[in-house]
Amino acid sequence: MLKINGKNTKLQVRFANDPWQRLKGLMFEDEKNFNYALLFENPSESKINSAVHMIFVFFPIDIIFLNKTKKVVDKITLLPFTPNYTPKKPAQYFIEMPKGKASKIKIGDKIEW
């Protein structure tokens, strides 16, 4: 369960743990099956390692980027087939979620799972 500033949300968390899950992300996913938060963890904070693309993702999504203390450092809604987005600040974690689910999340919010 994803928590924002200590409050539970209805989003279950799935982890992109292995190289295949990290590579695939939401590519070729059906939008009606995307009702969860997909969490990616990097070994350390980095802008480059937290860069994302939307190639073969057929629907818009929200992405929040978190530093090593799990505070939000950037957030964005990306459209299908966006070739690249690099967060404004280094992130150790990023979470992809259905469009609109990050609307109340602000820079500096604490996210837990």
PDB file of N, CA and C in Angstrom:
ATOM      1  N   MET A   1       0.846  -1.181   0.000  1.00  0.00           N
ATOM      2  CA  MET A   1       0.000   0.000   0.000  1.00  0.00           C
ATOM      3  C   MET A   1       0.894   1.247   0.000  1.00  0.00           C
ATOM      4  N   LEU A   2       0.584   2.183  -0.856  1.00  0.00           N
ATOM      5  CA  LEU A   2       1.327   3.434  -0.946  1.00  0.00           C
ATOM      6  C   LEU A   2       0.776   4.413   0.086  1.00  0.00           C
ATOM      7  N   LYS A   3       1.683   5.052   0.839  1.00  0.00           N
ATOM      8  CA  LYS A   3       1.303   6.056   1.831  1.00  0.00           C
ATOM      9  C   LYS A   3       1.902   7.400   1.426  1.00  0.00           C
ATOM     10  N   ILE A   4       1.082   8.438   1.513  1.00  0.00           N
ATOM     11  CA  ILE A   4       1.536   9.798   1.218  1.00  0.00           C
ATOM     12  C   ILE A   4       1.405  10.612   2.490  1.00  0.00           C
ATOM     13  N   ASN A   5       2.528  11.113   2.998  1.00  0.00           N
ATOM     14  CA  ASN A   5       2.547  11.861   4.254  1.00  0.00           C
ATOM     15  C   ASN A   5       1.834  11.106   5.370  1.00  0.00           C
ATOM     16  N   GLY A   6       2.053   9.783   5.423  1.00  0.00           N
ATOM     17  CA  GLY A   6       1.494   8.955   6.482  1.00  0.00           C
ATOM     18  C   GLY A   6       0.065   8.497   6.251  1.00  0.00           C
ATOM     19  N   LYS A   7      -0.567   8.914   5.160  1.00  0.00           N
ATOM     20  CA  LYS A   7      -1.953   8.528   4.884  1.00  0.00           C
ATOM     21  C   LYS A   7      -1.990   7.470   3.796  1.00  0.00           C
ATOM     22  N   ASN A   8      -2.733   6.395   4.053  1.00  0.00           N
ATOM     23  CA  ASN A   8      -2.858   5.321   3.073  1.00  0.00           C
ATOM     24  C   ASN A   8      -3.618   5.777   1.838  1.00  0.00           C
ATOM     25  N   THR A   9      -3.197   5.242   0.701  1.00  0.00           N
ATOM     26  CA  THR A   9      -3.951   5.418  -0.540  1.00  0.00           C
ATOM     27  C   THR A   9      -4.541   4.053  -0.889  1.00  0.00           C
ATOM     28  N   LYS A  10      -5.301   3.997  -1.950  1.00  0.00           N
ATOM     29  CA  LYS A  10      -5.869   2.728  -2.401  1.00  0.00           C
ATOM     30  C   LYS A  10      -4.951   2.010  -3.385  1.00  0.00           C
ATOM     31  N   LEU A  11      -3.798   2.615  -3.689  1.00  0.00           N
ATOM     32  CA  LEU A  11      -2.886   2.031  -4.671  1.00  0.00           C
ATOM     33  C   LEU A  11      -1.996   0.970  -4.049  1.00  0.00           C
ATOM     34  N   GLN A  12      -2.046  -0.215  -4.600  1.00  0.00           N
ATOM     35  CA  GLN A  12      -1.113  -1.265  -4.230  1.00  0.00           C
ATOM     36  C   GLN A  12       0.196  -1.011  -4.963  1.00  0.00           C
ATOM     37  N   VAL A  13       1.286  -1.433  -4.370  1.00  0.00           N
ATOM     38  CA  VAL A  13       2.606  -1.216  -4.951  1.00  0.00           C
ATOM     39  C   VAL A  13       3.123  -2.512  -5.561  1.00  0.00           C
ATOM     40  N   ARG A  14       3.622  -2.412  -6.777  1.00  0.00           N
ATOM     41  CA  ARG A  14       4.351  -3.508  -7.414  1.00  0.00           C
ATOM     42  C   ARG A  14       5.769  -3.013  -7.633  1.00  0.00           C
ATOM     43  N   PHE A  15       6.724  -3.908  -7.519  1.00  0.00           N
ATOM     44  CA  PHE A  15       8.125  -3.534  -7.621  1.00  0.00           C
ATOM     45  C   PHE A  15       8.720  -4.032  -8.926  1.00  0.00           C
ATOM     46  N   ALA A  16       9.437  -3.159  -9.609  1.00  0.00           N
ATOM     47  CA  ALA A  16      10.201  -3.537 -10.798  1.00  0.00           C
ATOM     48  C   ALA A  16      11.587  -3.931 -10.291  1.00  0.00           C
ATOM     49  N   ASN A  17      11.716  -5.195  -9.861  1.00  0.00           N
ATOM     50  CA  ASN A  17      12.928  -5.650  -9.171  1.00  0.00           C
ATOM     51  C   ASN A  17      14.024  -6.175 -10.081  1.00  0.00           C
ATOM     52  N   ASP A  18      13.640  -6.900 -11.098  1.00  0.00           N
ATOM     53  CA  ASP A  18      14.682  -7.531 -11.910  1.00  0.00           C
ATOM     54  C   ASP A  18      14.901  -6.742 -13.203  1.00  0.00           C
ATOM     55  N   PRO A  19      15.997  -7.030 -13.896  1.00  0.00           N
ATOM     56  CA  PRO A  19      16.310  -6.258 -15.111  1.00  0.00           C
ATOM     57  C   PRO A  19      15.189  -6.281 -16.150  1.00  0.00           C
ATOM     58  N   TRP A  20      14.509  -7.410 -16.325  1.00  0.00           N
ATOM     59  CA  TRP A  20      13.427  -7.474 -17.307  1.00  0.00           C
ATOM     60  C   TRP A  20      12.272  -6.561 -16.904  1.00  0.00           C
ATOM     61  N   GLN A  21      11.869  -6.586 -15.631  1.00  0.00           N
ATOM     62  CA  GLN A  21      10.775  -5.717 -15.166  1.00  0.00           C
ATOM     63  C   GLN A  21      11.159  -4.249 -15.316  1.00  0.00           C
ATOM     64  N   ARG A  22      12.406  -3.927 -15.015  1.00  0.00           N
ATOM     65  CA  ARG A  22      12.864  -2.538 -15.144  1.00  0.00           C
ATOM     66  C   ARG A  22      12.873  -2.104 -16.613  1.00  0.00           C
ATOM     67  N   LEU A  23      13.292  -2.984 -17.494  1.00  0.00           N
ATOM     68  CA  LEU A  23      13.328  -2.665 -18.918  1.00  0.00           C
ATOM     69  C   LEU A  23      11.911  -2.525 -19.480  1.00  0.00           C
ATOM     70  N   LYS A  24      11.038  -3.449 -19.150  1.00  0.00           N
ATOM     71  CA  LYS A  24       9.679  -3.463 -19.687  1.00  0.00           C
ATOM     72  C   LYS A  24       8.808  -2.366 -19.095  1.00  0.00           C
ATOM     73  N   GLY A  25       8.876  -2.149 -17.786  1.00  0.00           N
ATOM     74  CA  GLY A  25       8.030  -1.137 -17.163  1.00  0.00           C
ATOM     75  C   GLY A  25       6.582  -1.325 -17.565  1.00  0.00           C
ATOM     76  N   LEU A  26       5.990  -0.321 -18.170  1.00  0.00           N
ATOM     77  CA  LEU A  26       4.587  -0.394 -18.602  1.00  0.00           C
ATOM     78  C   LEU A  26       4.429  -0.578 -20.106  1.00  0.00           C
ATOM     79  N   MET A  27       5.528  -0.888 -20.797  1.00  0.00           N
ATOM     80  CA  MET A  27       5.421  -1.102 -22.242  1.00  0.00           C
ATOM     81  C   MET A  27       4.440  -2.226 -22.532  1.00  0.00           C
ATOM     82  N   PHE A  28       3.549  -1.978 -23.488  1.00  0.00           N
ATOM     83  CA  PHE A  28       2.547  -2.936 -23.963  1.00  0.00           C
ATOM     84  C   PHE A  28       1.485  -3.280 -22.914  1.00  0.00           C
ATOM     85  N   GLU A  29       1.468  -2.580 -21.790  1.00  0.00           N
ATOM     86  CA  GLU A  29       0.444  -2.799 -20.760  1.00  0.00           C
ATOM     87  C   GLU A  29      -0.892  -2.245 -21.264  1.00  0.00           C
ATOM     88  N   ASP A  30      -1.984  -2.886 -20.851  1.00  0.00           N
ATOM     89  CA  ASP A  30      -3.321  -2.398 -21.163  1.00  0.00           C
ATOM     90  C   ASP A  30      -3.724  -1.420 -20.066  1.00  0.00           C
ATOM     91  N   GLU A  31      -4.179  -0.247 -20.445  1.00  0.00           N
ATOM     92  CA  GLU A  31      -4.503   0.801 -19.463  1.00  0.00           C
ATOM     93  C   GLU A  31      -5.509   0.321 -18.419  1.00  0.00           C
ATOM     94  N   LYS A  32      -6.473  -0.500 -18.808  1.00  0.00           N
ATOM     95  CA  LYS A  32      -7.482  -0.943 -17.827  1.00  0.00           C
ATOM     96  C   LYS A  32      -6.905  -1.899 -16.792  1.00  0.00           C
ATOM     97  N   ASN A  33      -5.726  -2.460 -17.030  1.00  0.00           N
ATOM     98  CA  ASN A  33      -5.065  -3.314 -16.039  1.00  0.00           C
ATOM     99  C   ASN A  33      -4.123  -2.530 -15.133  1.00  0.00           C
ATOM    100  N   PHE A  34      -3.898  -1.250 -15.444  1.00  0.00           N
ATOM    101  CA  PHE A  34      -2.944  -0.443 -14.685  1.00  0.00           C
ATOM    102  C   PHE A  34      -3.673   0.291 -13.559  1.00  0.00           C
ATOM    103  N   ASN A  35      -3.831  -0.400 -12.439  1.00  0.00           N
ATOM    104  CA  ASN A  35      -4.519   0.163 -11.266  1.00  0.00           C
ATOM    105  C   ASN A  35      -3.629   0.055 -10.025  1.00  0.00           C
ATOM    106  N   TYR A  36      -2.344   0.207 -10.225  1.00  0.00           N
ATOM    107  CA  TYR A  36      -1.355   0.038  -9.160  1.00  0.00           C
ATOM    108  C   TYR A  36      -0.241   1.064  -9.341  1.00  0.00           C
ATOM    109  N   ALA A  37       0.652   1.128  -8.373  1.00  0.00           N
ATOM    110  CA  ALA A  37       1.843   1.970  -8.458  1.00  0.00           C
ATOM    111  C   ALA A  37       3.031   1.063  -8.751  1.00  0.00           C
ATOM    112  N   LEU A  38       3.789   1.374  -9.795  1.00  0.00           N
ATOM    113  CA  LEU A  38       4.961   0.575 -10.169  1.00  0.00           C
ATOM    114  C   LEU A  38       6.205   1.307  -9.687  1.00  0.00           C
ATOM    115  N   LEU A  39       6.920   0.685  -8.747  1.00  0.00           N
ATOM    116  CA  LEU A  39       8.050   1.327  -8.081  1.00  0.00           C
ATOM    117  C   LEU A  39       9.384   0.815  -8.602  1.00  0.00           C
ATOM    118  N   PHE A  40      10.267   1.742  -8.913  1.00  0.00           N
ATOM    119  CA  PHE A  40      11.620   1.441  -9.364  1.00  0.00           C
ATOM    120  C   PHE A  40      12.589   1.980  -8.327  1.00  0.00           C
ATOM    121  N   GLU A  41      13.613   1.196  -7.991  1.00  0.00           N
ATOM    122  CA  GLU A  41      14.639   1.639  -7.041  1.00  0.00           C
ATOM    123  C   GLU A  41      15.999   1.583  -7.707  1.00  0.00           C
ATOM    124  N   ASN A  42      16.739   2.683  -7.603  1.00  0.00           N
ATOM    125  CA  ASN A  42      18.113   2.748  -8.098  1.00  0.00           C
ATOM    126  C   ASN A  42      19.073   2.518  -6.932  1.00  0.00           C
ATOM    127  N   PRO A  43      20.312   2.090  -7.210  1.00  0.00           N
ATOM    128  CA  PRO A  43      21.284   1.869  -6.136  1.00  0.00           C
ATOM    129  C   PRO A  43      21.622   3.149  -5.365  1.00  0.00           C
ATOM    130  N   SER A  44      21.533   4.305  -6.056  1.00  0.00           N
ATOM    131  CA  SER A  44      21.834   5.585  -5.410  1.00  0.00           C
ATOM    132  C   SER A  44      21.071   6.682  -6.157  1.00  0.00           C
ATOM    133  N   GLU A  45      21.101   7.877  -5.613  1.00  0.00           N
ATOM    134  CA  GLU A  45      20.434   9.002  -6.265  1.00  0.00           C
ATOM    135  C   GLU A  45      21.142   9.342  -7.574  1.00  0.00           C
ATOM    136  N   SER A  46      20.354   9.579  -8.603  1.00  0.00           N
ATOM    137  CA  SER A  46      20.916   9.891  -9.910  1.00  0.00           C
ATOM    138  C   SER A  46      19.823  10.482 -10.798  1.00  0.00           C
ATOM    139  N   LYS A  47      20.200  11.432 -11.628  1.00  0.00           N
ATOM    140  CA  LYS A  47      19.258  11.927 -12.622  1.00  0.00           C
ATOM    141  C   LYS A  47      19.225  10.979 -13.826  1.00  0.00           C
ATOM    142  N   ILE A  48      20.403  10.580 -14.277  1.00  0.00           N
ATOM    143  CA  ILE A  48      20.496   9.733 -15.474  1.00  0.00           C
ATOM    144  C   ILE A  48      19.829   8.375 -15.249  1.00  0.00           C
ATOM    145  N   ASN A  49      20.115   7.720 -14.127  1.00  0.00           N
ATOM    146  CA  ASN A  49      19.531   6.398 -13.866  1.00  0.00           C
ATOM    147  C   ASN A  49      18.037   6.460 -13.577  1.00  0.00           C
ATOM    148  N   SER A  50      17.504   7.645 -13.358  1.00  0.00           N
ATOM    149  CA  SER A  50      16.076   7.804 -13.108  1.00  0.00           C
ATOM    150  C   SER A  50      15.326   8.313 -14.339  1.00  0.00           C
ATOM    151  N   ALA A  51      16.026   8.496 -15.438  1.00  0.00           N
ATOM    152  CA  ALA A  51      15.373   8.941 -16.672  1.00  0.00           C
ATOM    153  C   ALA A  51      14.427   7.853 -17.170  1.00  0.00           C
ATOM    154  N   VAL A  52      13.303   8.264 -17.749  1.00  0.00           N
ATOM    155  CA  VAL A  52      12.294   7.319 -18.228  1.00  0.00           C
ATOM    156  C   VAL A  52      11.906   7.659 -19.669  1.00  0.00           C
ATOM    157  N   HIS A  53      11.273   6.710 -20.310  1.00  0.00           N
ATOM    158  CA  HIS A  53      10.696   6.926 -21.642  1.00  0.00           C
ATOM    159  C   HIS A  53       9.308   6.311 -21.658  1.00  0.00           C
ATOM    160  N   MET A  54       8.537   6.676 -22.664  1.00  0.00           N
ATOM    161  CA  MET A  54       7.172   6.164 -22.800  1.00  0.00           C
ATOM    162  C   MET A  54       6.990   5.419 -24.124  1.00  0.00           C
ATOM    163  N   ILE A  55       8.091   4.921 -24.669  1.00  0.00           N
ATOM    164  CA  ILE A  55       8.009   4.171 -25.924  1.00  0.00           C
ATOM    165  C   ILE A  55       7.192   2.902 -25.673  1.00  0.00           C
ATOM    166  N   PHE A  56       6.182   2.678 -26.504  1.00  0.00           N
ATOM    167  CA  PHE A  56       5.264   1.542 -26.399  1.00  0.00           C
ATOM    168  C   PHE A  56       4.433   1.537 -25.113  1.00  0.00           C
ATOM    169  N   VAL A  57       4.278   2.701 -24.518  1.00  0.00           N
ATOM    170  CA  VAL A  57       3.284   2.891 -23.450  1.00  0.00           C
ATOM    171  C   VAL A  57       2.178   3.694 -24.118  1.00  0.00           C
ATOM    172  N   PHE A  58       0.960   3.158 -24.119  1.00  0.00           N
ATOM    173  CA  PHE A  58      -0.109   3.681 -24.958  1.00  0.00           C
ATOM    174  C   PHE A  58      -1.094   4.601 -24.241  1.00  0.00           C
ATOM    175  N   PHE A  59      -0.766   5.028 -23.026  1.00  0.00           N
ATOM    176  CA  PHE A  59      -1.666   5.889 -22.257  1.00  0.00           C
ATOM    177  C   PHE A  59      -0.819   6.788 -21.350  1.00  0.00           C
ATOM    178  N   PRO A  60      -1.352   7.956 -20.969  1.00  0.00           N
ATOM    179  CA  PRO A  60      -0.582   8.858 -20.102  1.00  0.00           C
ATOM    180  C   PRO A  60      -0.494   8.311 -18.675  1.00  0.00           C
ATOM    181  N   ILE A  61       0.599   8.644 -17.996  1.00  0.00           N
ATOM    182  CA  ILE A  61       0.792   8.224 -16.602  1.00  0.00           C
ATOM    183  C   ILE A  61       1.401   9.375 -15.799  1.00  0.00           C
ATOM    184  N   ASP A  62       1.244   9.296 -14.490  1.00  0.00           N
ATOM    185  CA  ASP A  62       1.932  10.197 -13.569  1.00  0.00           C
ATOM    186  C   ASP A  62       3.181   9.493 -13.064  1.00  0.00           C
ATOM    187  N   ILE A  63       4.252  10.257 -12.898  1.00  0.00           N
ATOM    188  CA  ILE A  63       5.482   9.711 -12.315  1.00  0.00           C
ATOM    189  C   ILE A  63       5.944  10.670 -11.233  1.00  0.00           C
ATOM    190  N   ILE A  64       6.273  10.108 -10.066  1.00  0.00           N
ATOM    191  CA  ILE A  64       6.881  10.906  -9.013  1.00  0.00           C
ATOM    192  C   ILE A  64       8.285  10.369  -8.776  1.00  0.00           C
ATOM    193  N   PHE A  65       9.203  11.282  -8.538  1.00  0.00           N
ATOM    194  CA  PHE A  65      10.610  10.953  -8.312  1.00  0.00           C
ATOM    195  C   PHE A  65      10.937  11.289  -6.867  1.00  0.00           C
ATOM    196  N   LEU A  66      11.621  10.362  -6.173  1.00  0.00           N
ATOM    197  CA  LEU A  66      11.917  10.521  -4.753  1.00  0.00           C
ATOM    198  C   LEU A  66      13.414  10.434  -4.496  1.00  0.00           C
ATOM    199  N   ASN A  67      13.885  11.209  -3.534  1.00  0.00           N
ATOM    200  CA  ASN A  67      15.292  11.119  -3.157  1.00  0.00           C
ATOM    201  C   ASN A  67      15.515   9.937  -2.214  1.00  0.00           C
ATOM    202  N   LYS A  68      16.719   9.814  -1.664  1.00  0.00           N
ATOM    203  CA  LYS A  68      17.034   8.655  -0.818  1.00  0.00           C
ATOM    204  C   LYS A  68      16.234   8.631   0.477  1.00  0.00           C
ATOM    205  N   THR A  69      15.678   9.766   0.899  1.00  0.00           N
ATOM    206  CA  THR A  69      14.851   9.796   2.113  1.00  0.00           C
ATOM    207  C   THR A  69      13.369   9.644   1.787  1.00  0.00           C
ATOM    208  N   LYS A  70      13.064   9.359   0.534  1.00  0.00           N
ATOM    209  CA  LYS A  70      11.711   9.124   0.026  1.00  0.00           C
ATOM    210  C   LYS A  70      10.842  10.376   0.025  1.00  0.00           C
ATOM    211  N   LYS A  71      11.503  11.507  -0.179  1.00  0.00           N
ATOM    212  CA  LYS A  71      10.771  12.764  -0.355  1.00  0.00           C
ATOM    213  C   LYS A  71      10.686  13.078  -1.843  1.00  0.00           C
ATOM    214  N   VAL A  72       9.545  13.597  -2.260  1.00  0.00           N
ATOM    215  CA  VAL A  72       9.305  13.903  -3.669  1.00  0.00           C
ATOM    216  C   VAL A  72      10.193  15.066  -4.100  1.00  0.00           C
ATOM    217  N   VAL A  73      10.974  14.829  -5.182  1.00  0.00           N
ATOM    218  CA  VAL A  73      11.845  15.871  -5.732  1.00  0.00           C
ATOM    219  C   VAL A  73      11.384  16.348  -7.106  1.00  0.00           C
ATOM    220  N   ASP A  74      10.483  15.595  -7.737  1.00  0.00           N
ATOM    221  CA  ASP A  74       9.948  15.981  -9.045  1.00  0.00           C
ATOM    222  C   ASP A  74       8.715  15.134  -9.306  1.00  0.00           C
ATOM    223  N   LYS A  75       7.817  15.657 -10.136  1.00  0.00           N
ATOM    224  CA  LYS A  75       6.660  14.879 -10.578  1.00  0.00           C
ATOM    225  C   LYS A  75       6.218  15.395 -11.931  1.00  0.00           C
ATOM    226  N   ILE A  76       5.622  14.510 -12.702  1.00  0.00           N
ATOM    227  CA  ILE A  76       5.220  14.882 -14.056  1.00  0.00           C
ATOM    228  C   ILE A  76       4.155  13.908 -14.550  1.00  0.00           C
ATOM    229  N   THR A  77       3.339  14.373 -15.473  1.00  0.00           N
ATOM    230  CA  THR A  77       2.442  13.508 -16.242  1.00  0.00           C
ATOM    231  C   THR A  77       3.054  13.398 -17.628  1.00  0.00           C
ATOM    232  N   LEU A  78       3.307  12.166 -18.054  1.00  0.00           N
ATOM    233  CA  LEU A  78       3.900  11.944 -19.377  1.00  0.00           C
ATOM    234  C   LEU A  78       2.877  11.356 -20.332  1.00  0.00           C
ATOM    235  N   LEU A  79       2.973  11.769 -21.576  1.00  0.00           N
ATOM    236  CA  LEU A  79       2.091  11.287 -22.629  1.00  0.00           C
ATOM    237  C   LEU A  79       2.704  10.075 -23.324  1.00  0.00           C
ATOM    238  N   PRO A  80       1.859   9.264 -23.968  1.00  0.00           N
ATOM    239  CA  PRO A  80       2.378   8.103 -24.697  1.00  0.00           C
ATOM    240  C   PRO A  80       3.483   8.490 -25.679  1.00  0.00           C
ATOM    241  N   PHE A  81       4.459   7.625 -25.772  1.00  0.00           N
ATOM    242  CA  PHE A  81       5.565   7.727 -26.721  1.00  0.00           C
ATOM    243  C   PHE A  81       6.492   8.924 -26.478  1.00  0.00           C
ATOM    244  N   THR A  82       6.468   9.508 -25.276  1.00  0.00           N
ATOM    245  CA  THR A  82       7.455  10.534 -24.931  1.00  0.00           C
ATOM    246  C   THR A  82       8.832   9.869 -24.967  1.00  0.00           C
ATOM    247  N   PRO A  83       9.779  10.390 -25.740  1.00  0.00           N
ATOM    248  CA  PRO A  83      11.050   9.686 -25.903  1.00  0.00           C
ATOM    249  C   PRO A  83      11.955   9.700 -24.672  1.00  0.00           C
ATOM    250  N   ASN A  84      11.865  10.748 -23.837  1.00  0.00           N
ATOM    251  CA  ASN A  84      12.749  10.807 -22.671  1.00  0.00           C
ATOM    252  C   ASN A  84      12.259  11.872 -21.701  1.00  0.00           C
ATOM    253  N   TYR A  85      12.373  11.548 -20.421  1.00  0.00           N
ATOM    254  CA  TYR A  85      12.203  12.562 -19.375  1.00  0.00           C
ATOM    255  C   TYR A  85      13.235  12.263 -18.298  1.00  0.00           C
ATOM    256  N   THR A  86      14.032  13.280 -17.971  1.00  0.00           N
ATOM    257  CA  THR A  86      15.031  13.175 -16.911  1.00  0.00           C
ATOM    258  C   THR A  86      14.559  14.074 -15.771  1.00  0.00           C
ATOM    259  N   PRO A  87      14.498  13.553 -14.539  1.00  0.00           N
ATOM    260  CA  PRO A  87      14.005  14.388 -13.442  1.00  0.00           C
ATOM    261  C   PRO A  87      14.890  15.609 -13.220  1.00  0.00           C
ATOM    262  N   LYS A  88      14.278  16.644 -12.657  1.00  0.00           N
ATOM    263  CA  LYS A  88      14.989  17.904 -12.422  1.00  0.00           C
ATOM    264  C   LYS A  88      16.060  17.773 -11.349  1.00  0.00           C
ATOM    265  N   LYS A  89      15.849  16.841 -10.412  1.00  0.00           N
ATOM    266  CA  LYS A  89      16.818  16.602  -9.340  1.00  0.00           C
ATOM    267  C   LYS A  89      17.110  15.108  -9.270  1.00  0.00           C
ATOM    268  N   PRO A  90      18.258  14.722  -8.719  1.00  0.00           N
ATOM    269  CA  PRO A  90      18.577  13.302  -8.600  1.00  0.00           C
ATOM    270  C   PRO A  90      17.520  12.558  -7.771  1.00  0.00           C
ATOM    271  N   ALA A  91      17.221  11.352  -8.194  1.00  0.00           N
ATOM    272  CA  ALA A  91      16.233  10.515  -7.506  1.00  0.00           C
ATOM    273  C   ALA A  91      16.794   9.112  -7.316  1.00  0.00           C
ATOM    274  N   GLN A  92      16.438   8.499  -6.211  1.00  0.00           N
ATOM    275  CA  GLN A  92      16.799   7.103  -5.982  1.00  0.00           C
ATOM    276  C   GLN A  92      15.631   6.181  -6.319  1.00  0.00           C
ATOM    277  N   TYR A  93      14.428   6.717  -6.204  1.00  0.00           N
ATOM    278  CA  TYR A  93      13.208   5.951  -6.493  1.00  0.00           C
ATOM    279  C   TYR A  93      12.352   6.749  -7.465  1.00  0.00           C
ATOM    280  N   PHE A  94      11.576   6.034  -8.276  1.00  0.00           N
ATOM    281  CA  PHE A  94      10.503   6.693  -9.002  1.00  0.00           C
ATOM    282  C   PHE A  94       9.332   5.735  -9.081  1.00  0.00           C
ATOM    283  N   ILE A  95       8.143   6.331  -9.099  1.00  0.00           N
ATOM    284  CA  ILE A  95       6.909   5.554  -9.045  1.00  0.00           C
ATOM    285  C   ILE A  95       6.018   5.982 -10.197  1.00  0.00           C
ATOM    286  N   GLU A  96       5.636   5.011 -11.017  1.00  0.00           N
ATOM    287  CA  GLU A  96       4.705   5.247 -12.110  1.00  0.00           C
ATOM    288  C   GLU A  96       3.318   4.866 -11.616  1.00  0.00           C
ATOM    289  N   MET A  97       2.343   5.728 -11.882  1.00  0.00           N
ATOM    290  CA  MET A  97       0.981   5.470 -11.419  1.00  0.00           C
ATOM    291  C   MET A  97      -0.030   5.990 -12.431  1.00  0.00           C
ATOM    292  N   PRO A  98      -1.280   5.525 -12.329  1.00  0.00           N
ATOM    293  CA  PRO A  98      -2.293   5.993 -13.277  1.00  0.00           C
ATOM    294  C   PRO A  98      -2.417   7.519 -13.269  1.00  0.00           C
ATOM    295  N   LYS A  99      -2.702   8.072 -14.436  1.00  0.00           N
ATOM    296  CA  LYS A  99      -2.835   9.523 -14.578  1.00  0.00           C
ATOM    297  C   LYS A  99      -3.876  10.047 -13.588  1.00  0.00           C
ATOM    298  N   GLY A 100      -3.508  11.127 -12.909  1.00  0.00           N
ATOM    299  CA  GLY A 100      -4.402  11.747 -11.941  1.00  0.00           C
ATOM    300  C   GLY A 100      -4.143  11.326 -10.509  1.00  0.00           C
ATOM    301  N   LYS A 101      -3.504  10.180 -10.298  1.00  0.00           N
ATOM    302  CA  LYS A 101      -3.261   9.686  -8.944  1.00  0.00           C
ATOM    303  C   LYS A 101      -2.219  10.496  -8.199  1.00  0.00           C
ATOM    304  N   ALA A 102      -1.396  11.261  -8.914  1.00  0.00           N
ATOM    305  CA  ALA A 102      -0.376  12.086  -8.256  1.00  0.00           C
ATOM    306  C   ALA A 102      -0.807  13.545  -8.150  1.00  0.00           C
ATOM    307  N   SER A 103      -2.056  13.820  -8.473  1.00  0.00           N
ATOM    308  CA  SER A 103      -2.501  15.220  -8.536  1.00  0.00           C
ATOM    309  C   SER A 103      -2.370  15.960  -7.206  1.00  0.00           C
ATOM    310  N   LYS A 104      -2.516  15.266  -6.095  1.00  0.00           N
ATOM    311  CA  LYS A 104      -2.428  15.922  -4.785  1.00  0.00           C
ATOM    312  C   LYS A 104      -1.040  15.815  -4.153  1.00  0.00           C
ATOM    313  N   ILE A 105      -0.129  15.128  -4.819  1.00  0.00           N
ATOM    314  CA  ILE A 105       1.232  14.981  -4.307  1.00  0.00           C
ATOM    315  C   ILE A 105       2.024  16.236  -4.652  1.00  0.00           C
ATOM    316  N   LYS A 106       2.775  16.731  -3.673  1.00  0.00           N
ATOM    317  CA  LYS A 106       3.560  17.940  -3.865  1.00  0.00           C
ATOM    318  C   LYS A 106       5.048  17.660  -3.647  1.00  0.00           C
ATOM    319  N   ILE A 107       5.886  18.502  -4.232  1.00  0.00           N
ATOM    320  CA  ILE A 107       7.332  18.414  -3.999  1.00  0.00           C
ATOM    321  C   ILE A 107       7.559  18.533  -2.494  1.00  0.00           C
ATOM    322  N   GLY A 108       8.366  17.634  -1.945  1.00  0.00           N
ATOM    323  CA  GLY A 108       8.655  17.626  -0.508  1.00  0.00           C
ATOM    324  C   GLY A 108       7.806  16.653   0.280  1.00  0.00           C
ATOM    325  N   ASP A 109       6.721  16.136  -0.308  1.00  0.00           N
ATOM    326  CA  ASP A 109       5.895  15.134   0.387  1.00  0.00           C
ATOM    327  C   ASP A 109       6.707  13.884   0.633  1.00  0.00           C
ATOM    328  N   LYS A 110       6.386  13.180   1.695  1.00  0.00           N
ATOM    329  CA  LYS A 110       7.062  11.920   2.068  1.00  0.00           C
ATOM    330  C   LYS A 110       6.169  10.774   1.581  1.00  0.00           C
ATOM    331  N   ILE A 111       6.776   9.840   0.854  1.00  0.00           N
ATOM    332  CA  ILE A 111       6.052   8.680   0.323  1.00  0.00           C
ATOM    333  C   ILE A 111       6.636   7.426   0.969  1.00  0.00           C
ATOM    334  N   GLU A 112       5.759   6.508   1.385  1.00  0.00           N
ATOM    335  CA  GLU A 112       6.184   5.244   1.971  1.00  0.00           C
ATOM    336  C   GLU A 112       5.441   4.085   1.329  1.00  0.00           C
ATOM    337  N   TRP A 113       6.002   2.928   1.488  1.00  0.00           N
ATOM    338  CA  TRP A 113       5.369   1.697   0.997  1.00  0.00           C
ATOM    339  C   TRP A 113       5.732   0.561   1.903  1.00  0.00           C
TER     340      TRP A 113
END
